[in-house]
Amino acid sequence: FDTGCTGMSISTSLFNERYSIARERRENNLWGNVELQFSTVSGGVSSLNAKKPLTTTLDDSPWGKKLDGHLIVLGLAFLEGHEMTVDID
């Protein structure tokens, strides 16, 4: 299974939002230690993180204007030290 991404690809709107915050706070870099947390079916929390992931923007959201949200594609940098299982029925 290959995500096709090494670092992180995000929606342009999310990138611009983070860029504005970083400039306002005079931060040295845009993406330091990035951590994403997901709720599990069993009620726990699973975390993935990467240090300074290579980050690119996505031009358009794949769902068009139907959903107001951000898209984040995680790559291999977030899977280091983890195992991933993909169940396909």
Protein backbone atom coordinates (compact mmCIF):
# COMPACT_ATOMS: atom_id res chain seq x y z
CA PHE A 1 0.00 0.00 0.00
CA ASP A 2 1.50 3.34 -1.02
CA THR A 3 -0.01 6.72 -0.14
CA GLY A 4 2.01 8.28 -2.97
CA CYS A 5 3.16 10.98 -0.57
CA THR A 6 6.32 11.31 1.50
CA GLY A 7 5.42 14.19 3.79
CA MET A 8 2.06 15.94 3.92
CA SER A 9 -0.22 17.42 1.27
CA ILE A 10 -2.90 19.79 2.49
CA SER A 11 -5.66 21.95 1.10
CA THR A 12 -4.55 25.39 -0.04
CA SER A 13 -6.93 27.08 2.40
CA LEU A 14 -5.38 25.23 5.37
CA PHE A 15 -1.86 26.10 4.17
CA ASN A 16 -2.77 29.78 3.86
CA GLU A 17 -4.40 29.77 7.30
CA ARG A 18 -1.30 28.24 8.92
CA TYR A 19 0.98 30.63 7.00
CA SER A 20 -0.92 33.65 8.34
CA ILE A 21 -0.70 32.38 11.92
CA ALA A 22 3.04 31.66 11.61
CA ARG A 23 3.73 35.15 10.21
CA GLU A 24 1.67 36.80 12.94
CA ARG A 25 3.58 34.89 15.65
CA ARG A 26 6.94 35.41 13.87
CA GLU A 27 7.62 31.68 13.93
CA ASN A 28 10.83 30.36 12.36
CA ASN A 29 9.15 27.57 10.39
CA LEU A 30 5.71 26.65 9.18
CA TRP A 31 5.68 22.97 10.08
CA GLY A 32 7.74 21.90 13.09
CA ASN A 33 6.48 18.79 14.85
CA VAL A 34 3.11 17.92 13.28
CA GLU A 35 0.84 15.57 15.26
CA LEU A 36 -2.59 14.33 14.23
CA GLN A 37 -4.87 12.43 16.60
CA PHE A 38 -7.72 10.16 15.60
CA SER A 39 -10.48 8.67 17.74
CA THR A 40 -10.65 4.89 17.50
CA VAL A 41 -13.75 2.73 17.40
CA SER A 42 -12.85 1.37 20.86
CA GLY A 43 -12.88 4.89 22.34
CA GLY A 44 -9.11 5.36 22.40
CA VAL A 45 -6.89 7.81 20.58
CA SER A 46 -4.30 6.99 17.92
CA SER A 47 -1.60 9.56 17.08
CA LEU A 48 0.66 10.01 14.07
CA ASN A 49 3.44 12.58 13.97
CA ALA A 50 6.35 13.77 11.86
CA LYS A 51 9.11 16.34 12.37
CA LYS A 52 9.21 19.05 9.70
CA PRO A 53 7.37 17.05 7.02
CA LEU A 54 7.79 18.14 3.42
CA THR A 55 4.49 19.93 2.83
CA THR A 56 2.78 20.70 -0.47
CA THR A 57 -0.64 22.11 -1.29
CA LEU A 58 -3.49 20.51 -3.19
CA ASP A 59 -5.11 22.62 -5.90
CA ASP A 60 -8.74 21.56 -5.59
CA SER A 61 -10.72 19.51 -3.12
CA PRO A 62 -11.80 16.19 -4.66
CA TRP A 63 -15.36 16.70 -3.44
CA GLY A 64 -15.79 20.14 -5.04
CA LYS A 65 -18.02 22.58 -3.15
CA LYS A 66 -20.12 19.85 -1.48
CA LEU A 67 -18.15 19.82 1.79
CA ASP A 68 -16.64 22.71 3.70
CA GLY A 69 -13.46 21.30 5.19
CA HIS A 70 -9.75 20.69 4.84
CA LEU A 71 -8.02 17.71 3.24
CA ILE A 72 -4.78 16.37 4.73
CA VAL A 73 -2.89 13.56 2.98
CA LEU A 74 -0.30 11.89 5.20
CA GLY A 75 2.75 10.20 3.76
CA LEU A 76 5.52 7.88 4.82
CA ALA A 77 7.03 10.39 7.28
CA PHE A 78 3.99 9.87 9.53
CA LEU A 79 4.14 6.07 9.36
CA GLU A 80 7.73 5.66 10.56
CA GLY A 81 7.77 3.27 13.50
CA HIS A 82 4.16 2.17 12.88
CA GLU A 83 2.48 -0.72 11.14
CA MET A 84 -0.45 -0.11 8.86
CA THR A 85 -3.13 -2.65 8.02
CA VAL A 86 -5.63 -2.06 5.23
CA ASP A 87 -8.79 -4.19 5.27
CA ILE A 88 -10.62 -4.34 1.99
CA ASP A 89 -13.89 -6.24 1.80
